[in-house]
Amino acid sequence: MNSMTNRFSTFALMLIATLSLTISACESDPCKNVECGARGTCLDGDCVCDAGFELDGSGQCTVRSADKFVSSFNATEDCSALGYVVTVTASNVQADKIILTNLGNYDCPSGDLPVEGIVNGNTVELSGAPYCPTASFTGYNFTGSGTISGNVLTISYVVTYTISGTQITDTCVATLNRQ
């Protein structure tokens, strides 16, 4: 009888183990049929895009966030009575980086004044690095942020630079209208 009880117990344990494996194998993977593209990963059934990318109309991470900023803009701002043109291009190296050429219409002894920004959705953060330094000029340091809505990019920024030993700080709001 003892042998039969042991066999029954062993059979019952094997049956429970088999059922447990079968039931757990039936649980559905929420990412099983989700395709996020080369620039995204599925997490709990939703696509999470890599930095610098957004979902397209089909739910895949194929759209570069920076692309909505790329254009030439007519700029006006509260720091200058004159209008000017700003050209925005996307970085070839970093998907979430843009280059704003001529922001603020400041003179650059070495040519164009490129200011870098990091894009996150519809916003951009200016990097604050020194731009346009020369042996006799410390360069311009831009910090600030902006948002794009349709054809209008609004940027609030602070630029500091030194002329003849005097540090100058300009705090400006620029409104850029796509050409």
Foldseek 3Di string as FASTA:
>chain_A
DVVVVVVVVVVVVVVVVVVVVVVVVPDDDLCPPPDAPPQWDDDNNATDGHFQFDQDPVRHTDHGLQVVVAAKWWKDKPVDPDIDIWGKDADPPDSQKIWIWCVVVDDAPVDIWTWMWGDDRFKTWTDQDFTRDDPQWRHKGKTWMWGDDRQKIKIWIWIWTDDPRDIDIDTMIMIIGGD
